[in-house]
Protein backbone atom coordinates (compact mmCIF):
# COMPACT_ATOMS: atom_id res chain seq x y z
CA MET A 1 -28.13 -23.96 -82.70
CA SER A 2 -25.37 -22.43 -84.13
CA LYS A 3 -22.92 -20.10 -82.01
CA ARG A 4 -23.33 -16.33 -82.62
CA LYS A 5 -20.38 -14.88 -84.41
CA ILE A 6 -18.66 -11.52 -83.10
CA SER A 7 -18.98 -8.77 -85.43
CA LEU A 8 -15.68 -7.17 -86.76
CA VAL A 9 -17.61 -3.80 -86.28
CA SER A 10 -18.01 -4.51 -82.58
CA ILE A 11 -14.44 -5.67 -82.23
CA ALA A 12 -13.15 -2.46 -83.93
CA ILE A 13 -15.12 -0.28 -81.48
CA ALA A 14 -13.82 -2.15 -78.61
CA LEU A 15 -10.36 -1.61 -79.79
CA CYS A 16 -10.78 2.06 -80.15
CA CYS A 17 -12.36 2.34 -76.95
CA ALA A 18 -9.63 0.33 -75.14
CA LEU A 19 -6.94 2.22 -77.00
CA VAL A 20 -8.44 5.71 -75.63
CA LEU A 21 -9.64 4.56 -72.05
CA VAL A 22 -6.89 2.26 -70.97
CA PRO A 23 -4.45 5.45 -70.79
CA VAL A 24 -7.14 7.50 -69.26
CA ILE A 25 -7.62 4.96 -66.78
CA CYS A 26 -3.91 4.61 -66.05
CA SER A 27 -3.69 8.62 -65.90
CA VAL A 28 -6.51 8.53 -63.56
CA LEU A 29 -5.20 5.97 -61.26
CA TYR A 30 -1.64 7.77 -61.29
CA PHE A 31 -3.34 11.02 -60.37
CA GLY A 32 -5.52 9.47 -57.89
CA THR A 33 -2.15 7.94 -56.00
CA SER A 34 0.93 9.55 -56.92
CA VAL A 35 -0.38 13.16 -57.57
CA ALA A 36 -2.69 12.82 -54.88
CA HIS A 37 -0.09 11.80 -52.23
CA ARG A 38 2.21 14.73 -53.30
CA LEU A 39 -0.70 17.20 -52.93
CA GLU A 40 -1.62 15.77 -49.41
CA GLY A 41 2.19 16.01 -48.71
CA ASN A 42 2.08 19.69 -49.59
CA ALA A 43 -0.78 20.33 -47.70
CA ARG A 44 0.58 18.91 -44.63
CA GLU A 45 3.81 20.74 -45.17
CA THR A 46 1.69 24.11 -45.80
CA ALA A 47 -0.40 23.61 -42.62
CA SER A 48 2.64 22.82 -40.54
CA PHE A 49 4.46 25.66 -41.89
CA TYR A 50 1.55 28.11 -41.35
CA ILE A 51 0.61 26.91 -38.06
CA ASP A 52 4.26 26.97 -36.77
CA GLN A 53 4.58 30.65 -37.90
CA ILE A 54 1.43 31.74 -36.24
CA ALA A 55 2.19 29.71 -33.12
CA THR A 56 5.64 31.55 -32.91
CA LYS A 57 4.18 34.91 -33.51
CA ALA A 58 1.09 34.28 -31.19
CA SER A 59 3.47 33.04 -28.48
CA GLY A 60 5.73 36.07 -28.81
CA THR A 61 2.85 38.33 -28.46
CA LEU A 62 1.52 36.51 -25.29
CA ASP A 63 5.02 36.40 -23.97
CA THR A 64 5.32 40.29 -24.51
CA LEU A 65 1.88 41.04 -23.00
CA ARG A 66 3.04 38.85 -19.92
CA GLY A 67 6.02 41.06 -19.56
CA SER A 68 3.86 44.08 -19.75
CA ILE A 69 1.68 42.82 -16.88
CA TYR A 70 4.64 42.26 -14.75
CA TYR A 71 5.96 45.68 -15.66
CA LEU A 72 2.38 47.46 -14.52
CA MET A 73 2.47 45.30 -11.57
CA SER A 74 5.82 46.26 -10.45
CA ASP A 75 5.99 50.07 -11.54
CA GLN A 76 5.65 52.17 -8.39
CA SER A 77 4.07 55.15 -10.23
CA THR A 78 1.28 52.61 -11.75
CA GLN A 79 1.15 51.11 -8.14
CA LYS A 80 0.44 54.86 -7.19
CA LEU A 81 -2.33 55.40 -9.58
CA MET A 82 -4.25 52.13 -8.72
CA ARG A 83 -4.13 52.97 -4.98
CA ASN A 84 -5.39 56.47 -5.66
CA PRO A 85 -9.23 56.46 -5.62
CA GLU A 86 -9.24 59.38 -7.91
CA GLU A 87 -9.07 59.22 -11.86
CA ALA A 88 -5.77 59.37 -13.17
CA THR A 89 -5.11 62.68 -15.20
CA GLN A 90 -3.71 62.86 -18.54
CA SER A 91 -0.17 63.17 -17.38
CA GLU A 92 -0.25 60.34 -15.10
CA ARG A 93 -1.57 58.00 -17.96
CA LEU A 94 1.05 59.37 -20.23
CA ALA A 95 3.68 58.73 -17.81
CA VAL A 96 2.48 55.26 -17.37
CA GLU A 97 2.33 54.80 -21.23
CA GLU A 98 5.72 55.96 -21.93
CA GLY A 99 7.27 53.76 -19.18
CA LEU A 100 5.45 50.70 -20.85
CA ASN A 101 6.75 51.65 -24.24
CA ARG A 102 10.53 52.08 -22.77
CA ALA A 103 10.08 48.50 -21.52
CA PHE A 104 8.88 47.19 -24.55
CA PHE A 105 11.74 48.83 -26.54
CA LEU A 106 14.01 46.48 -24.77
CA GLY A 107 11.98 43.53 -25.75
CA ASN A 108 9.32 42.68 -28.72
CA GLN A 109 7.47 45.66 -29.63
CA LEU A 110 3.55 45.37 -29.60
CA ASP A 111 1.59 45.05 -32.79
CA GLN A 112 -1.28 47.42 -32.30
CA SER A 113 -3.55 45.70 -34.86
CA THR A 114 -3.29 42.66 -32.70
CA VAL A 115 -3.33 44.33 -29.19
CA THR A 116 -6.03 46.76 -29.23
CA GLY A 117 -5.75 48.19 -25.69
CA ILE A 118 -4.34 47.33 -22.27
CA TYR A 119 -6.81 48.62 -19.43
CA MET A 120 -6.25 48.82 -15.54
CA VAL A 121 -9.83 48.73 -14.15
CA LYS A 122 -10.02 49.60 -10.44
CA ASP A 123 -12.51 47.99 -8.27
CA ASN A 124 -14.74 51.32 -8.46
CA LEU A 125 -15.01 50.90 -12.23
CA GLN A 126 -12.57 53.68 -13.11
CA TYR A 127 -10.19 52.45 -15.70
CA LEU A 128 -6.87 53.65 -17.12
CA SER A 129 -5.93 52.94 -20.86
CA VAL A 130 -2.50 52.45 -21.07
CA LEU A 131 -1.67 52.44 -24.80
CA ARG A 132 -2.38 55.88 -26.32
CA GLY A 133 -4.79 54.31 -29.22
CA GLY A 134 -6.72 52.15 -26.62
CA ILE A 135 -8.70 55.25 -25.38
CA TYR A 136 -10.18 55.56 -29.04
CA LEU A 137 -10.59 51.91 -29.70
CA GLY A 138 -11.90 50.71 -26.60
CA THR A 139 -15.40 51.82 -24.86
CA SER A 140 -15.90 52.17 -21.23
CA THR A 141 -18.87 49.99 -21.72
CA ARG A 142 -17.03 47.12 -23.42
CA VAL A 143 -14.25 47.39 -20.69
CA THR A 144 -16.64 47.36 -17.85
CA HIS A 145 -18.64 44.56 -19.19
CA VAL A 146 -15.79 42.28 -19.61
CA TYR A 147 -14.41 43.34 -15.95
CA GLN A 148 -17.78 42.50 -14.41
CA THR A 149 -18.20 39.31 -16.74
CA PHE A 150 -14.66 37.88 -15.49
CA GLN A 151 -14.23 39.24 -11.85
CA ASP A 152 -13.36 35.73 -10.82
CA VAL A 153 -10.65 35.23 -13.57
CA ASN A 154 -7.10 35.64 -12.87
CA SER A 155 -4.60 33.91 -15.36
CA ALA A 156 -1.89 35.18 -17.44
CA ARG A 157 -1.72 32.00 -19.43
CA ASP A 158 -5.43 31.78 -20.55
CA LEU A 159 -7.38 33.84 -22.89
CA TYR A 160 -11.15 34.57 -22.70
CA VAL A 161 -13.91 35.69 -25.01
CA ASP A 162 -16.84 37.58 -24.09
CA PRO A 163 -19.96 36.45 -26.23
CA SER A 164 -21.11 39.89 -26.50
CA TYR A 165 -18.01 40.69 -28.42
CA PRO A 166 -16.84 37.73 -30.34
CA ASP A 167 -14.01 39.50 -32.36
CA TYR A 168 -11.93 40.15 -29.36
CA CYS A 169 -10.35 37.79 -26.76
CA TYR A 170 -8.62 38.89 -23.45
CA LEU A 171 -6.04 38.55 -21.07
CA ILE A 172 -7.44 39.01 -17.60
CA VAL A 173 -5.12 39.12 -14.36
CA ASP A 174 -5.88 40.90 -11.12
CA TYR A 175 -3.67 44.09 -9.98
CA ILE A 176 -2.29 43.26 -6.59
CA ASP A 177 -1.04 45.78 -4.26
CA LEU A 178 2.68 44.56 -3.59
CA ASP A 179 2.61 46.23 -0.10
CA SER A 180 -0.56 44.71 1.13
CA MET A 181 -1.28 41.92 -1.53
CA ILE A 182 -4.88 43.02 -1.85
CA SER A 183 -6.36 43.29 -5.17
CA LEU A 184 -6.90 46.74 -6.46
CA GLY A 185 -8.59 45.85 -9.60
CA LYS A 186 -7.80 44.16 -12.97
CA ILE A 187 -5.23 44.52 -15.90
CA ILE A 188 -7.42 43.81 -19.07
CA ILE A 189 -5.70 43.20 -22.30
CA GLU A 190 -7.56 43.22 -25.30
CA LEU A 191 -6.54 41.48 -28.47
CA LYS A 192 -8.08 41.17 -31.96
CA LEU A 193 -8.54 37.40 -33.01
CA GLU A 194 -8.15 38.27 -36.42
CA GLY A 195 -4.71 39.88 -35.67
CA LEU A 196 -3.58 37.22 -33.27
CA ILE A 197 -4.14 34.20 -35.78
CA ASP A 198 -3.68 35.80 -39.31
CA ALA A 199 -4.95 33.26 -41.92
CA THR A 200 -4.62 35.12 -44.85
CA TYR A 201 -1.62 32.94 -46.25
CA LEU A 202 -3.50 29.79 -45.70
CA THR A 203 -6.78 30.98 -47.14
CA ASN A 204 -5.04 32.29 -50.32
CA MET A 205 -3.95 28.78 -51.04
CA TYR A 206 -7.03 26.75 -49.57
CA HIS A 207 -10.04 29.03 -49.50
CA GLN A 208 -12.24 27.09 -47.24
CA SER A 209 -9.61 26.27 -44.59
CA VAL A 210 -10.49 27.06 -41.10
CA VAL A 211 -7.94 28.45 -38.37
CA MET A 212 -9.42 28.24 -34.84
CA LEU A 213 -8.29 29.33 -31.54
CA ARG A 214 -9.28 27.47 -28.41
CA ALA A 215 -8.33 26.98 -24.67
CA SER A 216 -6.87 23.78 -23.34
CA ASP A 217 -10.11 23.02 -21.29
CA GLY A 218 -12.17 22.78 -24.45
CA ARG A 219 -13.37 26.51 -24.74
CA ILE A 220 -13.89 27.67 -28.17
CA LEU A 221 -12.29 31.33 -28.41
CA SER A 222 -12.88 31.64 -31.98
CA SER A 223 -16.57 32.84 -32.92
CA ASP A 224 -18.96 30.67 -35.07
CA LEU A 225 -16.54 27.66 -35.01
CA ASP A 226 -18.69 25.45 -32.28
CA ALA A 227 -19.16 22.77 -35.10
CA PHE A 228 -15.35 22.18 -34.89
CA ALA A 229 -14.92 21.87 -31.23
CA LYS A 230 -15.38 18.18 -30.90
CA ALA A 231 -13.33 17.59 -34.04
CA ALA A 232 -10.22 19.85 -32.51
CA SER A 233 -9.96 17.07 -29.60
CA ALA A 234 -9.75 14.09 -32.20
CA GLN A 235 -6.30 12.53 -32.91
CA ASN A 236 -6.99 11.43 -36.34
CA ASP A 237 -5.42 13.49 -39.22
CA TYR A 238 -8.90 13.61 -40.81
CA VAL A 239 -11.87 14.48 -39.16
CA GLU A 240 -15.53 14.97 -40.41
CA VAL A 241 -17.29 18.18 -39.54
CA GLU A 242 -20.95 18.62 -40.63
CA GLY A 243 -20.48 15.96 -43.44
CA GLU A 244 -17.38 17.28 -44.65
CA HIS A 245 -13.72 15.84 -44.19
CA TYR A 246 -11.00 18.19 -43.26
CA TYR A 247 -7.18 17.62 -42.44
CA HIS A 248 -6.56 18.82 -39.01
CA THR A 249 -3.46 19.80 -37.40
CA SER A 250 -2.84 21.95 -34.04
CA ARG A 251 -0.22 23.73 -31.88
CA GLN A 252 -0.14 24.61 -28.36
CA LEU A 253 1.09 28.44 -27.62
CA SER A 254 3.42 27.35 -24.87
CA PRO A 255 3.64 28.23 -21.97
CA SER A 256 -0.05 29.50 -22.40
CA ARG A 257 -2.88 27.19 -22.37
CA VAL A 258 -4.25 28.03 -25.71
CA LEU A 259 -4.01 26.21 -28.88
CA ILE A 260 -4.60 26.90 -32.50
CA ASP A 261 -6.18 24.29 -34.76
CA VAL A 262 -5.77 24.36 -38.56
CA PHE A 263 -8.56 22.58 -40.61
CA ILE A 264 -8.14 22.30 -44.28
CA LEU A 265 -10.91 20.82 -46.45
CA LYS A 266 -9.91 17.62 -48.02
CA SER A 267 -11.72 18.16 -51.34
CA GLU A 268 -9.56 21.45 -51.65
CA ILE A 269 -6.31 19.49 -50.99
CA PHE A 270 -7.41 17.28 -53.90
CA GLU A 271 -8.84 19.95 -56.01
CA THR A 272 -6.06 20.31 -58.44
CA SER A 273 -5.68 16.62 -59.16
CA ASN A 274 -9.58 16.12 -59.26
CA ASP A 275 -9.77 19.03 -61.80
CA ALA A 276 -7.08 17.87 -63.71
CA ILE A 277 -8.77 14.35 -63.73
CA LYS A 278 -12.13 15.93 -65.08
CA ILE A 279 -10.30 18.06 -67.55
CA TYR A 280 -8.40 14.85 -68.70
CA ILE A 281 -11.60 12.56 -68.92
CA PHE A 282 -13.32 15.39 -70.69
CA PHE A 283 -10.82 15.58 -73.28
CA ALA A 284 -10.50 11.77 -73.37
CA PHE A 285 -14.11 11.62 -74.09
CA ILE A 286 -13.70 14.23 -76.76
CA VAL A 287 -11.08 12.06 -78.13
CA LEU A 288 -13.11 9.06 -77.83
CA LEU A 289 -15.84 10.57 -79.75
CA LEU A 290 -13.64 11.71 -82.49
CA THR A 291 -11.95 8.17 -82.56
CA LEU A 292 -15.40 6.76 -82.94
CA SER A 293 -16.42 8.90 -85.46
CA ILE A 294 -13.40 8.87 -87.76
CA GLY A 295 -13.57 5.06 -87.02
CA SER A 296 -17.23 4.95 -88.14
CA VAL A 297 -16.52 6.99 -91.39
CA ALA A 298 -13.62 4.53 -92.29
CA ALA A 299 -15.49 1.64 -91.34
CA TYR A 300 -18.49 2.72 -93.55
CA ARG A 301 -16.01 3.37 -96.53
CA LEU A 302 -14.32 0.14 -96.05
CA TYR A 303 -17.66 -1.85 -95.49
CA LYS A 304 -19.36 -0.32 -98.47
CA PRO A 305 -17.40 -2.70 -100.94
CA LEU A 306 -17.63 -5.58 -98.38
CA ARG A 307 -21.55 -5.10 -98.67
CA GLN A 308 -21.18 -4.92 -102.56
CA MET A 309 -19.43 -7.92 -102.55
CA MET A 310 -21.82 -9.82 -100.25
CA ARG A 311 -24.60 -9.06 -102.46
CA ASN A 312 -22.59 -10.26 -105.64
CA ILE A 313 -21.75 -13.45 -103.60
CA ASP A 314 -25.53 -14.11 -102.74
CA GLY A 315 -26.45 -13.33 -106.40
CA LEU A 316 -23.68 -15.81 -107.56
CA ALA A 317 -25.00 -18.40 -104.91
CA ALA A 318 -28.64 -17.67 -106.44
CA GLY A 319 -27.30 -18.87 -109.79
CA ASP A 320 -26.43 -15.45 -111.28
CA LEU A 321 -22.94 -16.34 -113.04
CA THR A 322 -22.78 -12.74 -114.67
CA VAL A 323 -22.34 -10.97 -111.44
CA ARG A 324 -18.77 -9.12 -111.12
CA MET A 325 -17.18 -7.03 -108.53
CA ASP A 326 -16.57 -3.36 -109.64
CA ALA A 327 -13.18 -1.74 -108.71
CA THR A 328 -12.69 -0.59 -105.14
CA PRO A 329 -10.22 2.17 -104.04
CA TYR A 330 -8.64 -0.06 -101.58
CA ARG A 331 -5.62 -2.73 -102.32
CA GLU A 332 -6.93 -5.47 -99.75
CA THR A 333 -10.39 -5.22 -101.17
CA GLU A 334 -9.12 -4.90 -104.97
CA GLN A 335 -7.49 -8.24 -104.32
CA MET A 336 -10.50 -9.78 -102.98
CA SER A 337 -12.45 -8.21 -105.86
CA ALA A 338 -10.07 -9.74 -108.47
CA ALA A 339 -10.35 -13.11 -106.71
CA PHE A 340 -14.17 -13.08 -106.79
CA ASN A 341 -14.12 -11.99 -110.43
CA HIS A 342 -11.70 -14.75 -111.36
CA MET A 343 -13.80 -17.32 -109.29
CA ALA A 344 -16.96 -16.30 -111.27
CA ASP A 345 -15.13 -16.42 -114.61
CA HIS A 346 -13.99 -20.09 -113.38
CA LEU A 347 -17.59 -21.07 -112.39
CA GLU A 348 -19.02 -19.66 -115.73
CA ALA A 349 -16.62 -21.61 -117.73
CA LEU A 350 -17.12 -24.70 -115.48
CA PHE A 351 -20.76 -24.44 -115.77
CA ALA A 352 -20.52 -24.06 -119.56
CA GLU A 353 -18.36 -27.32 -119.62
CA VAL A 354 -20.81 -29.06 -117.38
CA TYR A 355 -23.59 -28.13 -119.47
CA GLU A 356 -21.75 -28.88 -122.81
CA GLN A 357 -21.06 -32.31 -121.23
CA GLY A 358 -24.73 -32.68 -120.45
CA ILE A 359 -25.36 -32.21 -124.07
CA LEU A 360 -23.01 -34.54 -125.31
CA LEU A 361 -24.28 -37.30 -122.76
CA ARG A 362 -27.76 -36.37 -123.77
CA ASP A 363 -26.85 -36.92 -127.41
CA ALA A 364 -24.96 -40.20 -126.64
CA GLU A 365 -28.41 -41.01 -124.73
CA PHE A 366 -30.59 -40.09 -127.83
CA ARG A 367 -28.24 -42.16 -130.06
CA LEU A 368 -28.43 -45.17 -127.64
CA LEU A 369 -32.14 -45.09 -127.68
CA GLU A 370 -32.38 -44.89 -131.34
CA SER A 371 -30.38 -48.00 -131.46
CA GLN A 372 -32.57 -49.78 -128.83
CA ILE A 373 -35.85 -49.52 -131.13
CA ARG A 374 -37.97 -52.27 -129.69
CA PRO A 375 -34.92 -54.48 -128.03
CA HIS A 376 -37.06 -56.98 -126.54
CA PHE A 377 -38.39 -57.88 -129.94
CA ILE A 378 -35.21 -57.91 -131.58
CA PHE A 379 -33.71 -60.05 -128.78
CA ASN A 380 -36.63 -62.48 -129.20
CA ILE A 381 -36.41 -62.61 -133.09
CA LEU A 382 -32.45 -63.06 -132.65
CA GLU A 383 -33.17 -66.03 -130.13
CA LEU A 384 -35.45 -67.61 -132.61
CA ILE A 385 -32.96 -67.45 -135.26
CA ASN A 386 -30.37 -68.94 -132.92
CA ILE A 387 -32.69 -71.89 -131.91
CA ARG A 388 -33.38 -72.39 -135.65
CA CYS A 389 -29.77 -72.32 -136.63
CA LEU A 390 -28.91 -74.89 -133.79
CA GLU A 391 -31.58 -77.29 -134.97
CA ALA A 392 -30.23 -77.03 -138.43
CA GLY A 393 -26.46 -77.44 -137.15
CA GLN A 394 -25.60 -74.02 -138.64
CA ASN A 395 -22.87 -73.40 -135.65
CA SER A 396 -21.27 -70.43 -137.29
CA ILE A 397 -24.44 -68.70 -137.70
CA CYS A 398 -25.45 -69.37 -134.49
CA ARG A 399 -22.07 -67.99 -133.09
CA VAL A 400 -22.59 -64.91 -135.03
CA VAL A 401 -26.28 -64.27 -133.75
CA SER A 402 -25.22 -64.96 -129.97
CA ASN A 403 -22.35 -62.19 -130.55
CA LEU A 404 -24.66 -59.76 -132.03
CA ALA A 405 -27.34 -60.32 -129.22
CA GLN A 406 -24.79 -59.94 -126.44
CA LEU A 407 -23.51 -56.65 -128.10
CA LEU A 408 -27.19 -55.44 -128.22
CA ARG A 409 -27.97 -56.64 -124.66
CA ALA A 410 -24.51 -54.76 -123.33
CA ASN A 411 -25.87 -51.30 -124.85
CA ILE A 412 -29.14 -51.59 -122.86
CA THR A 413 -27.68 -53.11 -119.62
CA HIS A 414 -25.31 -50.08 -119.22
CA LYS A 415 -27.58 -47.55 -120.89
CA HIS A 416 -27.76 -45.22 -117.57
CA GLU A 417 -24.16 -45.84 -116.76
CA GLN A 418 -21.45 -43.05 -117.74
CA THR A 419 -18.20 -45.40 -116.92
CA ILE A 420 -17.67 -49.14 -116.86
CA SER A 421 -14.63 -51.39 -115.89
CA PHE A 422 -12.09 -52.20 -118.82
CA ARG A 423 -13.35 -55.71 -118.38
CA GLU A 424 -17.03 -54.90 -119.55
CA GLU A 425 -15.71 -52.34 -122.62
CA LEU A 426 -13.29 -55.12 -123.81
CA ARG A 427 -15.91 -57.52 -123.82
CA TYR A 428 -18.03 -55.49 -126.19
CA VAL A 429 -15.06 -54.92 -128.24
CA ARG A 430 -14.27 -58.56 -128.51
CA TYR A 431 -17.99 -59.12 -129.35
CA TYR A 432 -17.77 -56.64 -132.26
CA LEU A 433 -14.59 -57.89 -133.67
CA GLU A 434 -15.91 -61.44 -133.76
CA LEU A 435 -19.08 -60.11 -135.57
CA GLN A 436 -16.52 -58.16 -137.91
CA LYS A 437 -14.43 -61.27 -138.35
CA GLU A 438 -17.28 -63.36 -139.56
CA ARG A 439 -17.74 -60.79 -142.10
CA PHE A 440 -14.46 -60.33 -143.42
CA GLY A 441 -13.24 -63.90 -142.68
CA ASP A 442 -9.49 -64.64 -142.47
CA SER A 443 -8.71 -60.96 -144.32
CA LEU A 444 -9.21 -59.56 -140.93
CA THR A 445 -7.04 -60.07 -137.98
CA TYR A 446 -6.93 -58.56 -134.59
CA SER A 447 -5.06 -58.78 -131.13
CA ILE A 448 -5.93 -57.30 -127.68
CA ASP A 449 -2.49 -57.00 -125.48
CA LEU A 450 -3.11 -56.03 -121.99
CA GLU A 451 -0.09 -55.22 -119.78
CA ASP A 452 -1.45 -56.30 -116.56
CA LEU A 453 -4.69 -57.84 -115.81
CA SER A 454 -5.37 -55.26 -112.78
CA ILE A 455 -6.11 -53.01 -115.30
CA LEU A 456 -9.27 -54.84 -115.94
CA ASP A 457 -10.70 -53.37 -112.80
CA TYR A 458 -10.26 -49.57 -113.50
CA SER A 459 -12.71 -47.53 -115.11
CA ILE A 460 -13.38 -46.10 -118.51
CA PRO A 461 -16.05 -43.90 -120.07
CA LYS A 462 -18.46 -46.34 -121.69
CA LEU A 463 -18.29 -46.98 -125.52
CA THR A 464 -14.50 -45.16 -125.79
CA ILE A 465 -12.52 -48.25 -127.05
CA GLN A 466 -15.57 -49.93 -129.23
CA PRO A 467 -16.19 -46.74 -131.54
CA LEU A 468 -12.66 -46.39 -132.17
CA VAL A 469 -12.25 -50.10 -133.27
CA GLU A 470 -15.52 -49.54 -135.26
CA ASN A 471 -13.81 -46.42 -137.06
CA SER A 472 -10.58 -48.50 -137.90
CA ILE A 473 -12.53 -51.22 -139.84
CA VAL A 474 -15.12 -49.19 -141.30
CA HIS A 475 -13.19 -46.21 -142.42
CA GLY A 476 -9.50 -47.77 -142.63
CA LEU A 477 -10.10 -51.36 -143.57
CA GLU A 478 -13.20 -51.59 -145.40
CA PRO A 479 -11.90 -49.35 -148.51
CA LYS A 480 -8.72 -51.27 -148.39
CA ARG A 481 -8.47 -54.29 -150.78
CA GLY A 482 -7.37 -57.37 -149.11
CA GLY A 483 -8.44 -56.70 -145.63
CA GLY A 484 -6.10 -55.82 -142.81
CA ALA A 485 -5.14 -56.10 -139.03
CA VAL A 486 -6.38 -54.20 -136.08
CA ARG A 487 -4.37 -54.01 -132.84
CA ILE A 488 -5.29 -52.98 -129.47
CA GLY A 489 -2.60 -52.48 -126.49
CA ILE A 490 -3.39 -51.35 -123.16
CA TRP A 491 -0.81 -50.39 -120.34
CA GLU A 492 -0.14 -48.11 -117.36
CA GLU A 493 2.11 -45.48 -116.74
CA GLU A 494 2.15 -43.52 -113.36
CA ASP A 495 -1.32 -42.53 -112.95
CA ALA A 496 -2.86 -42.84 -116.10
CA ILE A 497 -3.57 -45.78 -118.51
CA TYR A 498 -2.95 -45.68 -122.13
CA ILE A 499 -5.07 -47.27 -124.92
CA ARG A 500 -3.44 -47.62 -128.35
CA ILE A 501 -5.73 -48.88 -131.46
CA THR A 502 -3.51 -49.45 -134.60
CA ASP A 503 -4.60 -50.28 -137.99
CA ASP A 504 -2.93 -50.65 -141.46
CA GLY A 505 -6.08 -49.24 -143.45
CA VAL A 506 -6.20 -46.48 -145.95
CA GLY A 507 -5.67 -43.67 -143.42
CA PHE A 508 -6.51 -40.09 -143.65
CA ASP A 509 -5.08 -36.60 -143.19
CA ALA A 510 -5.06 -36.01 -139.44
CA SER A 511 -3.96 -32.51 -139.52
CA GLN A 512 -7.67 -31.52 -140.62
CA LEU A 513 -9.12 -32.93 -137.48
CA THR A 514 -9.16 -30.73 -134.21
CA LEU A 515 -9.75 -32.43 -131.06
CA ASP A 516 -9.82 -29.43 -128.44
CA ILE A 517 -12.51 -29.32 -126.18
CA HIS A 518 -13.16 -25.60 -127.11
CA SER A 519 -13.38 -26.02 -130.85
CA ASN A 520 -16.30 -26.40 -132.81
CA THR A 521 -16.53 -29.32 -135.50
CA PRO A 522 -16.30 -27.63 -138.85
CA ALA A 523 -19.48 -27.80 -140.72
CA GLY A 524 -19.22 -30.68 -143.51
CA ALA A 525 -16.91 -32.79 -141.54
CA SER A 526 -17.26 -36.53 -142.24
CA HIS A 527 -18.74 -38.79 -139.87
CA ASN A 528 -15.90 -40.53 -138.57
CA HIS A 529 -14.15 -37.26 -137.83
CA ILE A 530 -17.29 -36.19 -135.97
CA ALA A 531 -17.01 -39.47 -133.85
CA LEU A 532 -13.47 -39.01 -132.81
CA SER A 533 -13.82 -35.50 -131.88
CA ASN A 534 -17.06 -36.42 -129.52
CA ILE A 535 -15.10 -39.08 -127.81
CA ALA A 536 -12.07 -36.63 -127.33
CA ARG A 537 -14.19 -33.98 -126.02
CA ARG A 538 -16.21 -36.58 -123.69
CA ILE A 539 -12.90 -37.59 -122.08
CA GLN A 540 -11.68 -34.00 -121.48
CA LEU A 541 -15.04 -32.92 -120.14
CA LEU A 542 -14.97 -35.87 -117.53
CA TYR A 543 -11.33 -35.84 -116.44
CA GLY A 544 -9.74 -32.61 -117.49
CA SER A 545 -7.51 -31.27 -120.59
CA LYS A 546 -4.58 -33.52 -119.29
CA TYR A 547 -6.23 -36.64 -120.79
CA GLY A 548 -7.75 -37.13 -124.15
CA MET A 549 -6.86 -38.32 -127.32
CA GLU A 550 -3.98 -38.35 -130.18
CA ILE A 551 -4.20 -39.44 -133.53
CA VAL A 552 -1.44 -40.05 -136.13
CA SER A 553 -2.51 -40.84 -139.58
CA SER A 554 -1.85 -40.01 -143.23
CA PRO A 555 -3.24 -41.52 -146.49
CA GLY A 556 -2.15 -44.90 -147.19
CA ASN A 557 -0.16 -45.20 -144.00
CA GLY A 558 -3.02 -46.55 -141.57
CA THR A 559 -3.90 -44.85 -138.32
CA THR A 560 -2.69 -45.07 -134.90
CA ILE A 561 -4.95 -43.76 -132.09
CA THR A 562 -3.76 -43.18 -128.37
CA VAL A 563 -6.09 -42.48 -125.53
CA THR A 564 -5.26 -41.47 -122.23
CA VAL A 565 -7.67 -41.76 -119.09
CA PRO A 566 -6.85 -41.63 -115.38
CA ALA A 567 -6.51 -44.83 -113.41
CA LEU A 568 -9.62 -44.91 -111.40
CA PRO A 569 -11.42 -47.79 -109.79
CA PRO A 570 -14.70 -48.74 -111.61
CA HIS A 571 -17.83 -47.02 -110.73
CA ALA A 572 -19.83 -50.72 -110.92
CA GLU A 573 -17.28 -53.58 -110.94
CA ARG A 574 -18.71 -56.51 -112.94
CA LYS A 575 -16.28 -59.31 -113.08
CA ASP A 576 -16.59 -61.87 -115.80
CA ASP A 577 -13.88 -64.70 -116.87
CA ASN A 578 -14.78 -64.30 -120.48
CA ALA A 579 -13.36 -60.76 -120.84
């Protein structure tokens, strides 16, 4: 089972995705680490700065309020008013307020948006509103309720919250008669929680941040923030509240026993980086889509000539040698198209050559078959003649008949072979020459010169030398009076074997003979010219244009034919010492 190949389109898509996604992943990792750490550091610094500012401001306010308590406790006119069971007059209240203002003038001023009222409540539930605005902001019902709720409370360092009035917190201290050290009532200072811990600055940056005020004993002073009570006591930087994670930090309002807690939602801290990552991923996705779209269009335009080429290759493989590639708009595919068309032209020419070679071989076979009419009958008759000649003592006739039989038998023996060894070919030549010598007698002489006996083992196309020798005798020596000579020379040079047949016959005009493989034999050409052309074309079809035949001849000067064939081992080696 062949291994499945990877598609070039898949590789291109993977590369496009990698080129887009790798920078995106690196950027996301950068935003998720470096930028996230910076944002976290900024959140810590912001929370620390804010809580320090609030703690300083709140501590200053509480310190001032504690000073006001000491003033009211030590002021003689205030002591007198608290001892008097009657309700204070307007002038007495104003005197206390002016004295308190003078005392605050020497220290920190009170922010009346934070301190909404200072009340001195007597045990008979009569109360005196020290601040001028307090008489309008406070009500007797609220003050009386706080007084009754926190009768046992006496601390200048703690803040208390009445659940009935969750927007306020209170400093509650017993008012002591300095002479008798008996409690005459309480000093109740009312503070607006929103003014004491102003979260505007922080919530502008982190909209879901939470600022909470709590007592050191665990009481939550800020309303609706009970869910943060447990998280406030945790020591970790990040705490979980109702499934959300918050960054947490706190400060104590020293020397008060009050703490401020700041909670910043973790998702808000990293919101900037998360939004940047989302936007970056969105644009990266758009870029990826555009890249794939452009790549798909480019791949389609490039793949179109490739599909055409594949169809042409399939057609060529199916045997259609007429297919050709059309011109393409790209340099690379145009080179491939030119190479394909060149290959198709070469294959078509090669097919034509092979076809022509087959025609020539078929004609040779036909001629061979024509020469083999009833071969067994002829051999039997020749054998009978040979026996009668032996009986009659006619040895010369016997030798002629034997050579003729051997020559005919050789044609039949190798009729299906295209090449034979030089040994076999020269054997047929020798049979033929001996037969012709019987005919011409001493007027015909011949010689066969072989440079090296190893040449006998090389191969040569069947019926190459013998027809040339026959051409020399029949068309060169027969027309000449007095006979002549035929010389055969065979030698090897580099990777080729040369065969030269020379006669001193009548010759002919060799310039009228064309031996090129692509030329057609002119109509009316003589039989000997056709035979020479067929041999030359057969050699070139078998071995290429590098090999072939050369003829040098002119009327009255004999003929020299030189044949060149490659030095190849025989197709079927037949060794015979008679060669």
